[in-house]
PDB file of all heavy atoms in Angstrom:
ATOM      1  N   VAL A   1      67.020  53.611  82.040  1.00  0.00           N
ATOM      2  CA  VAL A   1      68.357  53.327  81.518  1.00  0.00           C
ATOM      3  C   VAL A   1      68.697  51.845  81.694  1.00  0.00           C
ATOM      4  O   VAL A   1      69.286  51.229  80.811  1.00  0.00           O
ATOM      5  CB  VAL A   1      69.409  54.215  82.234  1.00  0.00           C
ATOM      6  CG1 VAL A   1      70.818  53.805  81.880  1.00  0.00           C
ATOM      7  CG2 VAL A   1      69.180  55.676  81.909  1.00  0.00           C
ATOM      8  N   LEU A   2      68.315  51.273  82.833  1.00  0.00           N
ATOM      9  CA  LEU A   2      68.628  49.871  83.129  1.00  0.00           C
ATOM     10  C   LEU A   2      67.555  48.898  82.647  1.00  0.00           C
ATOM     11  O   LEU A   2      67.700  47.696  82.819  1.00  0.00           O
ATOM     12  CB  LEU A   2      68.826  49.678  84.631  1.00  0.00           C
ATOM     13  CG  LEU A   2      70.083  50.277  85.235  1.00  0.00           C
ATOM     14  CD1 LEU A   2      70.082  50.104  86.742  1.00  0.00           C
ATOM     15  CD2 LEU A   2      71.321  49.644  84.629  1.00  0.00           C
ATOM     16  N   SER A   3      66.475  49.428  82.090  1.00  0.00           N
ATOM     17  CA  SER A   3      65.349  48.601  81.635  1.00  0.00           C
ATOM     18  C   SER A   3      64.813  47.719  82.765  1.00  0.00           C
ATOM     19  O   SER A   3      64.739  46.494  82.649  1.00  0.00           O
ATOM     20  CB  SER A   3      65.754  47.720  80.444  1.00  0.00           C
ATOM     21  OG  SER A   3      66.172  48.521  79.378  1.00  0.00           O
ATOM     22  N   CYS A   4      64.479  48.381  83.860  1.00  0.00           N
ATOM     23  CA  CYS A   4      63.927  47.661  85.005  1.00  0.00           C
ATOM     24  C   CYS A   4      62.818  48.505  85.630  1.00  0.00           C
ATOM     25  O   CYS A   4      62.566  49.625  85.212  1.00  0.00           O
ATOM     26  CB  CYS A   4      65.014  47.344  86.031  1.00  0.00           C
ATOM     27  SG  CYS A   4      65.710  48.793  86.851  1.00  0.00           S
ATOM     28  N   ASP A   5      62.188  47.975  86.638  1.00  0.00           N
ATOM     29  CA  ASP A   5      61.129  48.676  87.344  1.00  0.00           C
ATOM     30  C   ASP A   5      61.746  49.685  88.318  1.00  0.00           C
ATOM     31  O   ASP A   5      62.759  49.385  88.951  1.00  0.00           O
ATOM     32  CB  ASP A   5      60.272  47.657  88.105  1.00  0.00           C
ATOM     33  CG  ASP A   5      59.010  48.276  88.637  1.00  0.00           C
ATOM     34  OD1 ASP A   5      58.033  48.367  87.870  1.00  0.00           O
ATOM     35  OD2 ASP A   5      59.018  48.681  89.822  1.00  0.00           O
ATOM     36  N   PRO A   6      61.159  50.873  88.469  1.00  0.00           N
ATOM     37  CA  PRO A   6      61.693  51.860  89.412  1.00  0.00           C
ATOM     38  C   PRO A   6      61.786  51.347  90.846  1.00  0.00           C
ATOM     39  O   PRO A   6      62.639  51.782  91.619  1.00  0.00           O
ATOM     40  CB  PRO A   6      60.706  53.031  89.318  1.00  0.00           C
ATOM     41  CG  PRO A   6      60.052  52.888  87.993  1.00  0.00           C
ATOM     42  CD  PRO A   6      60.028  51.417  87.699  1.00  0.00           C
ATOM     43  N   SER A   7      60.932  50.386  91.200  1.00  0.00           N
ATOM     44  CA  SER A   7      60.987  49.853  92.565  1.00  0.00           C
ATOM     45  C   SER A   7      62.296  49.102  92.821  1.00  0.00           C
ATOM     46  O   SER A   7      62.767  49.047  93.956  1.00  0.00           O
ATOM     47  CB  SER A   7      59.786  48.942  92.839  1.00  0.00           C
ATOM     48  OG  SER A   7      59.829  47.792  92.014  1.00  0.00           O
ATOM     49  N   LEU A   8      62.898  48.545  91.775  1.00  0.00           N
ATOM     50  CA  LEU A   8      64.190  47.883  91.931  1.00  0.00           C
ATOM     51  C   LEU A   8      65.256  48.899  92.324  1.00  0.00           C
ATOM     52  O   LEU A   8      66.076  48.644  93.207  1.00  0.00           O
ATOM     53  CB  LEU A   8      64.593  47.169  90.635  1.00  0.00           C
ATOM     54  CG  LEU A   8      65.979  46.537  90.631  1.00  0.00           C
ATOM     55  CD1 LEU A   8      66.077  45.437  91.681  1.00  0.00           C
ATOM     56  CD2 LEU A   8      66.321  46.006  89.262  1.00  0.00           C
ATOM     57  N   ILE A   9      65.228  50.057  91.700  1.00  0.00           N
ATOM     58  CA  ILE A   9      66.183  51.118  92.040  1.00  0.00           C
ATOM     59  C   ILE A   9      65.966  51.536  93.484  1.00  0.00           C
ATOM     60  O   ILE A   9      66.922  51.699  94.249  1.00  0.00           O
ATOM     61  CB  ILE A   9      66.032  52.337  91.100  1.00  0.00           C
ATOM     62  CG1 ILE A   9      66.155  51.928  89.628  1.00  0.00           C
ATOM     63  CG2 ILE A   9      67.035  53.429  91.460  1.00  0.00           C
ATOM     64  CD1 ILE A   9      67.453  51.279  89.239  1.00  0.00           C
ATOM     65  N   SER A  10      64.725  51.688  93.882  1.00  0.00           N
ATOM     66  CA  SER A  10      64.405  52.068  95.255  1.00  0.00           C
ATOM     67  C   SER A  10      64.924  51.027  96.248  1.00  0.00           C
ATOM     68  O   SER A  10      65.508  51.378  97.280  1.00  0.00           O
ATOM     69  CB  SER A  10      62.890  52.228  95.409  1.00  0.00           C
ATOM     70  OG  SER A  10      62.561  52.546  96.731  1.00  0.00           O
ATOM     71  N   ARG A  11      64.749  49.761  95.935  1.00  0.00           N
ATOM     72  CA  ARG A  11      65.223  48.698  96.838  1.00  0.00           C
ATOM     73  C   ARG A  11      66.748  48.682  96.910  1.00  0.00           C
ATOM     74  O   ARG A  11      67.313  48.436  97.976  1.00  0.00           O
ATOM     75  CB  ARG A  11      64.676  47.345  96.404  1.00  0.00           C
ATOM     76  CG  ARG A  11      63.175  47.210  96.661  1.00  0.00           C
ATOM     77  CD  ARG A  11      62.663  45.777  96.519  1.00  0.00           C
ATOM     78  NE  ARG A  11      62.934  45.175  95.223  1.00  0.00           N
ATOM     79  CZ  ARG A  11      62.125  45.231  94.170  1.00  0.00           C
ATOM     80  NH1 ARG A  11      60.972  45.866  94.267  1.00  0.00           N
ATOM     81  NH2 ARG A  11      62.449  44.644  93.038  1.00  0.00           N
ATOM     82  N   MET A  12      67.422  48.962  95.806  1.00  0.00           N
ATOM     83  CA  MET A  12      68.889  49.029  95.837  1.00  0.00           C
ATOM     84  C   MET A  12      69.346  50.223  96.670  1.00  0.00           C
ATOM     85  O   MET A  12      70.311  50.126  97.428  1.00  0.00           O
ATOM     86  CB  MET A  12      69.465  49.124  94.416  1.00  0.00           C
ATOM     87  CG  MET A  12      69.439  47.804  93.678  1.00  0.00           C
ATOM     88  SD  MET A  12      70.422  47.766  92.154  1.00  0.00           S
ATOM     89  CE  MET A  12      69.498  48.878  91.099  1.00  0.00           C
ATOM     90  N   ARG A  13      68.647  51.340  96.542  1.00  0.00           N
ATOM     91  CA  ARG A  13      68.997  52.537  97.321  1.00  0.00           C
ATOM     92  C   ARG A  13      68.804  52.316  98.814  1.00  0.00           C
ATOM     93  O   ARG A  13      69.547  52.852  99.630  1.00  0.00           O
ATOM     94  CB  ARG A  13      68.137  53.728  96.896  1.00  0.00           C
ATOM     95  CG  ARG A  13      68.512  54.295  95.566  1.00  0.00           C
ATOM     96  CD  ARG A  13      67.643  55.458  95.201  1.00  0.00           C
ATOM     97  NE  ARG A  13      68.020  56.635  95.985  1.00  0.00           N
ATOM     98  CZ  ARG A  13      67.432  57.813  95.871  1.00  0.00           C
ATOM     99  NH1 ARG A  13      66.437  57.971  95.018  1.00  0.00           N
ATOM    100  NH2 ARG A  13      67.826  58.829  96.581  1.00  0.00           N
ATOM    101  N   ASN A  14      67.794  51.534  99.169  1.00  0.00           N
ATOM    102  CA  ASN A  14      67.507  51.272 100.578  1.00  0.00           C
ATOM    103  C   ASN A  14      68.313  50.117 101.139  1.00  0.00           C
ATOM    104  O   ASN A  14      68.201  49.807 102.322  1.00  0.00           O
ATOM    105  CB  ASN A  14      66.010  50.987 100.763  1.00  0.00           C
ATOM    106  CG  ASN A  14      65.173  52.214 100.502  1.00  0.00           C
ATOM    107  OD1 ASN A  14      65.591  53.324 100.778  1.00  0.00           O
ATOM    108  ND2 ASN A  14      63.997  52.021  99.937  1.00  0.00           N
ATOM    109  N   GLY A  15      69.096  49.452 100.295  1.00  0.00           N
ATOM    110  CA  GLY A  15      69.901  48.334 100.744  1.00  0.00           C
ATOM    111  C   GLY A  15      69.127  47.034 100.865  1.00  0.00           C
ATOM    112  O   GLY A  15      69.630  46.053 101.408  1.00  0.00           O
ATOM    113  N   HIS A  16      67.901  47.000 100.367  1.00  0.00           N
ATOM    114  CA  HIS A  16      67.080  45.792 100.422  1.00  0.00           C
ATOM    115  C   HIS A  16      67.341  44.879  99.234  1.00  0.00           C
ATOM    116  O   HIS A  16      66.810  43.777  99.185  1.00  0.00           O
ATOM    117  CB  HIS A  16      65.604  46.147 100.481  1.00  0.00           C
ATOM    118  CG  HIS A  16      65.246  46.906 101.716  1.00  0.00           C
ATOM    119  ND1 HIS A  16      63.991  47.401 101.934  1.00  0.00           N
ATOM    120  CD2 HIS A  16      65.964  47.276 102.805  1.00  0.00           C
ATOM    121  CE1 HIS A  16      63.959  48.035 103.086  1.00  0.00           C
ATOM    122  NE2 HIS A  16      65.155  47.971 103.622  1.00  0.00           N
ATOM    123  N   ARG A  17      68.113  45.346  98.286  1.00  0.00           N
ATOM    124  CA  ARG A  17      68.435  44.560  97.095  1.00  0.00           C
ATOM    125  C   ARG A  17      69.928  44.706  96.833  1.00  0.00           C
ATOM    126  O   ARG A  17      70.480  45.803  96.940  1.00  0.00           O
ATOM    127  CB  ARG A  17      67.623  45.077  95.909  1.00  0.00           C
ATOM    128  CG  ARG A  17      67.829  44.364  94.612  1.00  0.00           C
ATOM    129  CD  ARG A  17      67.182  42.984  94.651  1.00  0.00           C
ATOM    130  NE  ARG A  17      67.552  42.221  93.477  1.00  0.00           N
ATOM    131  CZ  ARG A  17      66.725  41.914  92.493  1.00  0.00           C
ATOM    132  NH1 ARG A  17      65.463  42.302  92.552  1.00  0.00           N
ATOM    133  NH2 ARG A  17      67.147  41.215  91.480  1.00  0.00           N
ATOM    134  N   ASN A  18      70.572  43.613  96.519  1.00  0.00           N
ATOM    135  CA  ASN A  18      72.004  43.630  96.228  1.00  0.00           C
ATOM    136  C   ASN A  18      72.279  44.394  94.938  1.00  0.00           C
ATOM    137  O   ASN A  18      71.412  44.486  94.071  1.00  0.00           O
ATOM    138  CB  ASN A  18      72.532  42.203  96.096  1.00  0.00           C
ATOM    139  CG  ASN A  18      72.524  41.473  97.422  1.00  0.00           C
ATOM    140  OD1 ASN A  18      72.663  42.081  98.470  1.00  0.00           O
ATOM    141  ND2 ASN A  18      72.352  40.178  97.366  1.00  0.00           N
ATOM    142  N   PRO A  19      73.505  44.898  94.813  1.00  0.00           N
ATOM    143  CA  PRO A  19      73.859  45.576  93.563  1.00  0.00           C
ATOM    144  C   PRO A  19      73.810  44.592  92.399  1.00  0.00           C
ATOM    145  O   PRO A  19      73.894  43.380  92.604  1.00  0.00           O
ATOM    146  CB  PRO A  19      75.280  46.070  93.804  1.00  0.00           C
ATOM    147  CG  PRO A  19      75.765  45.406  95.033  1.00  0.00           C
ATOM    148  CD  PRO A  19      74.591  44.887  95.770  1.00  0.00           C
ATOM    149  N   PRO A  20      73.686  45.093  91.201  1.00  0.00           N
ATOM    150  CA  PRO A  20      73.667  44.200  90.037  1.00  0.00           C
ATOM    151  C   PRO A  20      74.934  43.347  89.988  1.00  0.00           C
ATOM    152  O   PRO A  20      76.034  43.860  90.175  1.00  0.00           O
ATOM    153  CB  PRO A  20      73.611  45.147  88.839  1.00  0.00           C
ATOM    154  CG  PRO A  20      73.167  46.453  89.376  1.00  0.00           C
ATOM    155  CD  PRO A  20      73.585  46.498  90.815  1.00  0.00           C
ATOM    156  N   GLN A  21      74.768  42.072  89.747  1.00  0.00           N
ATOM    157  CA  GLN A  21      75.913  41.168  89.639  1.00  0.00           C
ATOM    158  C   GLN A  21      76.426  41.090  88.205  1.00  0.00           C
ATOM    159  O   GLN A  21      77.545  40.660  87.979  1.00  0.00           O
ATOM    160  CB  GLN A  21      75.529  39.775  90.139  1.00  0.00           C
ATOM    161  CG  GLN A  21      75.131  39.749  91.606  1.00  0.00           C
ATOM    162  CD  GLN A  21      76.229  40.256  92.520  1.00  0.00           C
ATOM    163  OE1 GLN A  21      77.377  39.851  92.408  1.00  0.00           O
ATOM    164  NE2 GLN A  21      75.886  41.178  93.416  1.00  0.00           N
ATOM    165  N   ASN A  22      75.594  41.496  87.284  1.00  0.00           N
ATOM    166  CA  ASN A  22      75.959  41.473  85.880  1.00  0.00           C
ATOM    167  C   ASN A  22      76.901  42.649  85.590  1.00  0.00           C
ATOM    168  O   ASN A  22      76.511  43.813  85.748  1.00  0.00           O
ATOM    169  CB  ASN A  22      74.687  41.579  85.023  1.00  0.00           C
ATOM    170  CG  ASN A  22      74.945  41.484  83.547  1.00  0.00           C
ATOM    171  OD1 ASN A  22      76.057  41.677  83.083  1.00  0.00           O
ATOM    172  ND2 ASN A  22      73.893  41.191  82.801  1.00  0.00           N
ATOM    173  N   PRO A  23      78.142  42.371  85.170  1.00  0.00           N
ATOM    174  CA  PRO A  23      79.085  43.458  84.885  1.00  0.00           C
ATOM    175  C   PRO A  23      78.571  44.442  83.831  1.00  0.00           C
ATOM    176  O   PRO A  23      78.907  45.620  83.862  1.00  0.00           O
ATOM    177  CB  PRO A  23      80.339  42.736  84.372  1.00  0.00           C
ATOM    178  CG  PRO A  23      80.205  41.328  84.813  1.00  0.00           C
ATOM    179  CD  PRO A  23      78.739  41.059  84.966  1.00  0.00           C
ATOM    180  N   ARG A  24      77.725  43.969  82.940  1.00  0.00           N
ATOM    181  CA  ARG A  24      77.158  44.845  81.906  1.00  0.00           C
ATOM    182  C   ARG A  24      76.286  45.929  82.538  1.00  0.00           C
ATOM    183  O   ARG A  24      76.334  47.090  82.130  1.00  0.00           O
ATOM    184  CB  ARG A  24      76.348  44.015  80.912  1.00  0.00           C
ATOM    185  CG  ARG A  24      75.793  44.821  79.754  1.00  0.00           C
ATOM    186  CD  ARG A  24      75.029  43.928  78.755  1.00  0.00           C
ATOM    187  NE  ARG A  24      74.281  44.731  77.839  1.00  0.00           N
ATOM    188  CZ  ARG A  24      73.049  45.201  78.078  1.00  0.00           C
ATOM    189  NH1 ARG A  24      72.422  44.912  79.195  1.00  0.00           N
ATOM    190  NH2 ARG A  24      72.430  45.950  77.182  1.00  0.00           N
ATOM    191  N   GLN A  25      75.500  45.566  83.554  1.00  0.00           N
ATOM    192  CA  GLN A  25      74.641  46.549  84.211  1.00  0.00           C
ATOM    193  C   GLN A  25      75.465  47.573  84.990  1.00  0.00           C
ATOM    194  O   GLN A  25      75.129  48.754  85.005  1.00  0.00           O
ATOM    195  CB  GLN A  25      73.640  45.861  85.121  1.00  0.00           C
ATOM    196  CG  GLN A  25      72.553  45.134  84.360  1.00  0.00           C
ATOM    197  CD  GLN A  25      71.563  44.470  85.292  1.00  0.00           C
ATOM    198  OE1 GLN A  25      71.936  43.860  86.282  1.00  0.00           O
ATOM    199  NE2 GLN A  25      70.293  44.615  84.963  1.00  0.00           N
ATOM    200  N   ILE A  26      76.538  47.116  85.625  1.00  0.00           N
ATOM    201  CA  ILE A  26      77.423  48.054  86.331  1.00  0.00           C
ATOM    202  C   ILE A  26      78.040  49.019  85.324  1.00  0.00           C
ATOM    203  O   ILE A  26      78.137  50.222  85.574  1.00  0.00           O
ATOM    204  CB  ILE A  26      78.524  47.300  87.114  1.00  0.00           C
ATOM    205  CG1 ILE A  26      77.913  46.495  88.271  1.00  0.00           C
ATOM    206  CG2 ILE A  26      79.595  48.251  87.618  1.00  0.00           C
ATOM    207  CD1 ILE A  26      77.327  47.330  89.393  1.00  0.00           C
ATOM    208  N   LYS A  27      78.424  48.499  84.171  1.00  0.00           N
ATOM    209  CA  LYS A  27      79.008  49.352  83.134  1.00  0.00           C
ATOM    210  C   LYS A  27      77.987  50.374  82.637  1.00  0.00           C
ATOM    211  O   LYS A  27      78.322  51.538  82.409  1.00  0.00           O
ATOM    212  CB  LYS A  27      79.512  48.490  81.979  1.00  0.00           C
ATOM    213  CG  LYS A  27      80.297  49.252  80.959  1.00  0.00           C
ATOM    214  CD  LYS A  27      80.896  48.340  79.908  1.00  0.00           C
ATOM    215  CE  LYS A  27      81.695  49.168  78.923  1.00  0.00           C
ATOM    216  NZ  LYS A  27      82.370  48.361  77.928  1.00  0.00           N
ATOM    217  N   ILE A  28      76.742  49.944  82.480  1.00  0.00           N
ATOM    218  CA  ILE A  28      75.681  50.869  82.063  1.00  0.00           C
ATOM    219  C   ILE A  28      75.507  51.973  83.100  1.00  0.00           C
ATOM    220  O   ILE A  28      75.416  53.154  82.760  1.00  0.00           O
ATOM    221  CB  ILE A  28      74.354  50.120  81.818  1.00  0.00           C
ATOM    222  CG1 ILE A  28      74.468  49.228  80.582  1.00  0.00           C
ATOM    223  CG2 ILE A  28      73.187  51.092  81.689  1.00  0.00           C
ATOM    224  CD1 ILE A  28      73.306  48.257  80.411  1.00  0.00           C
ATOM    225  N   LEU A  29      75.467  51.595  84.384  1.00  0.00           N
ATOM    226  CA  LEU A  29      75.353  52.585  85.464  1.00  0.00           C
ATOM    227  C   LEU A  29      76.529  53.569  85.412  1.00  0.00           C
ATOM    228  O   LEU A  29      76.329  54.791  85.463  1.00  0.00           O
ATOM    229  CB  LEU A  29      75.353  51.894  86.826  1.00  0.00           C
ATOM    230  CG  LEU A  29      74.082  51.264  87.322  1.00  0.00           C
ATOM    231  CD1 LEU A  29      74.346  50.487  88.606  1.00  0.00           C
ATOM    232  CD2 LEU A  29      73.015  52.317  87.566  1.00  0.00           C
ATOM    233  N   ALA A  30      77.733  53.032  85.331  1.00  0.00           N
ATOM    234  CA  ALA A  30      78.928  53.874  85.330  1.00  0.00           C
ATOM    235  C   ALA A  30      78.949  54.825  84.127  1.00  0.00           C
ATOM    236  O   ALA A  30      79.256  56.009  84.274  1.00  0.00           O
ATOM    237  CB  ALA A  30      80.174  52.995  85.347  1.00  0.00           C
ATOM    238  N   ASN A  31      78.601  54.316  82.965  1.00  0.00           N
ATOM    239  CA  ASN A  31      78.567  55.171  81.763  1.00  0.00           C
ATOM    240  C   ASN A  31      77.524  56.275  81.904  1.00  0.00           C
ATOM    241  O   ASN A  31      77.772  57.428  81.535  1.00  0.00           O
ATOM    242  CB  ASN A  31      78.278  54.338  80.511  1.00  0.00           C
ATOM    243  CG  ASN A  31      79.472  53.549  80.052  1.00  0.00           C
ATOM    244  OD1 ASN A  31      80.605  53.976  80.195  1.00  0.00           O
ATOM    245  ND2 ASN A  31      79.222  52.379  79.495  1.00  0.00           N
ATOM    246  N   TYR A  32      76.365  55.922  82.424  1.00  0.00           N
ATOM    247  CA  TYR A  32      75.294  56.908  82.588  1.00  0.00           C
ATOM    248  C   TYR A  32      75.751  58.036  83.519  1.00  0.00           C
ATOM    249  O   TYR A  32      75.646  59.217  83.178  1.00  0.00           O
ATOM    250  CB  TYR A  32      74.034  56.233  83.139  1.00  0.00           C
ATOM    251  CG  TYR A  32      72.947  57.216  83.471  1.00  0.00           C
ATOM    252  CD1 TYR A  32      72.133  57.743  82.466  1.00  0.00           C
ATOM    253  CD2 TYR A  32      72.731  57.647  84.776  1.00  0.00           C
ATOM    254  CE1 TYR A  32      71.138  58.665  82.753  1.00  0.00           C
ATOM    255  CE2 TYR A  32      71.741  58.563  85.077  1.00  0.00           C
ATOM    256  CZ  TYR A  32      70.947  59.063  84.065  1.00  0.00           C
ATOM    257  OH  TYR A  32      69.965  59.988  84.361  1.00  0.00           O
ATOM    258  N   PHE A  33      76.264  57.659  84.693  1.00  0.00           N
ATOM    259  CA  PHE A  33      76.657  58.684  85.656  1.00  0.00           C
ATOM    260  C   PHE A  33      77.876  59.469  85.184  1.00  0.00           C
ATOM    261  O   PHE A  33      77.985  60.667  85.469  1.00  0.00           O
ATOM    262  CB  PHE A  33      76.886  58.068  87.040  1.00  0.00           C
ATOM    263  CG  PHE A  33      75.611  57.663  87.711  1.00  0.00           C
ATOM    264  CD1 PHE A  33      75.383  56.339  88.057  1.00  0.00           C
ATOM    265  CD2 PHE A  33      74.619  58.586  87.992  1.00  0.00           C
ATOM    266  CE1 PHE A  33      74.204  55.947  88.683  1.00  0.00           C
ATOM    267  CE2 PHE A  33      73.430  58.212  88.608  1.00  0.00           C
ATOM    268  CZ  PHE A  33      73.224  56.894  88.953  1.00  0.00           C
ATOM    269  N   ALA A  34      78.781  58.834  84.454  1.00  0.00           N
ATOM    270  CA  ALA A  34      79.947  59.552  83.930  1.00  0.00           C
ATOM    271  C   ALA A  34      79.514  60.643  82.956  1.00  0.00           C
ATOM    272  O   ALA A  34      80.067  61.752  82.966  1.00  0.00           O
ATOM    273  CB  ALA A  34      80.901  58.570  83.251  1.00  0.00           C
ATOM    274  N   LYS A  35      78.539  60.345  82.140  1.00  0.00           N
ATOM    275  CA  LYS A  35      78.045  61.348  81.179  1.00  0.00           C
ATOM    276  C   LYS A  35      77.271  62.459  81.876  1.00  0.00           C
ATOM    277  O   LYS A  35      77.296  63.608  81.437  1.00  0.00           O
ATOM    278  CB  LYS A  35      77.181  60.675  80.120  1.00  0.00           C
ATOM    279  CG  LYS A  35      77.991  59.833  79.163  1.00  0.00           C
ATOM    280  CD  LYS A  35      77.126  59.117  78.166  1.00  0.00           C
ATOM    281  CE  LYS A  35      77.985  58.213  77.288  1.00  0.00           C
ATOM    282  NZ  LYS A  35      77.197  57.353  76.420  1.00  0.00           N
ATOM    283  N   LYS A  36      76.572  62.123  82.954  1.00  0.00           N
ATOM    284  CA  LYS A  36      75.781  63.122  83.678  1.00  0.00           C
ATOM    285  C   LYS A  36      76.640  64.031  84.557  1.00  0.00           C
ATOM    286  O   LYS A  36      76.201  65.115  84.923  1.00  0.00           O
ATOM    287  CB  LYS A  36      74.728  62.429  84.551  1.00  0.00           C
ATOM    288  CG  LYS A  36      73.650  61.676  83.791  1.00  0.00           C
ATOM    289  CD  LYS A  36      72.619  62.585  83.188  1.00  0.00           C
ATOM    290  CE  LYS A  36      71.674  63.079  84.265  1.00  0.00           C
ATOM    291  NZ  LYS A  36      70.616  63.922  83.758  1.00  0.00           N
ATOM    292  N   CYS A  37      77.838  63.600  84.914  1.00  0.00           N
ATOM    293  CA  CYS A  37      78.729  64.396  85.768  1.00  0.00           C
ATOM    294  C   CYS A  37      79.689  65.190  84.903  1.00  0.00           C
ATOM    295  O   CYS A  37      80.834  64.799  84.685  1.00  0.00           O
ATOM    296  CB  CYS A  37      79.501  63.484  86.731  1.00  0.00           C
ATOM    297  SG  CYS A  37      78.476  62.742  87.974  1.00  0.00           S
ATOM    298  N   SER A  38      79.212  66.310  84.422  1.00  0.00           N
ATOM    299  CA  SER A  38      80.013  67.093  83.488  1.00  0.00           C
ATOM    300  C   SER A  38      80.435  68.452  84.048  1.00  0.00           C
ATOM    301  O   SER A  38      81.334  69.082  83.502  1.00  0.00           O
ATOM    302  CB  SER A  38      79.236  67.305  82.187  1.00  0.00           C
ATOM    303  OG  SER A  38      78.006  67.940  82.457  1.00  0.00           O
ATOM    304  N   THR A  39      79.842  68.881  85.133  1.00  0.00           N
ATOM    305  CA  THR A  39      80.185  70.197  85.684  1.00  0.00           C
ATOM    306  C   THR A  39      81.373  70.092  86.628  1.00  0.00           C
ATOM    307  O   THR A  39      81.687  69.017  87.147  1.00  0.00           O
ATOM    308  CB  THR A  39      79.001  70.820  86.436  1.00  0.00           C
ATOM    309  OG1 THR A  39      78.742  70.043  87.614  1.00  0.00           O
ATOM    310  CG2 THR A  39      77.745  70.877  85.570  1.00  0.00           C
ATOM    311  N   ASP A  40      82.026  71.219  86.854  1.00  0.00           N
ATOM    312  CA  ASP A  40      83.161  71.258  87.785  1.00  0.00           C
ATOM    313  C   ASP A  40      82.727  70.827  89.179  1.00  0.00           C
ATOM    314  O   ASP A  40      83.449  70.112  89.872  1.00  0.00           O
ATOM    315  CB  ASP A  40      83.776  72.655  87.837  1.00  0.00           C
ATOM    316  CG  ASP A  40      84.490  73.033  86.558  1.00  0.00           C
ATOM    317  OD1 ASP A  40      84.843  72.122  85.777  1.00  0.00           O
ATOM    318  OD2 ASP A  40      84.699  74.241  86.331  1.00  0.00           O
TER     319      ASP A  40
END
């Protein structure tokens, strides 16, 4: 979804990499998770 390497996601999850600074990437993350969270 973010057009990046899976290891980048792993490093962000482990706190070894800062969150994306680009507001566009944060928006992509937010849109993705908003669509995936559809159940009660």
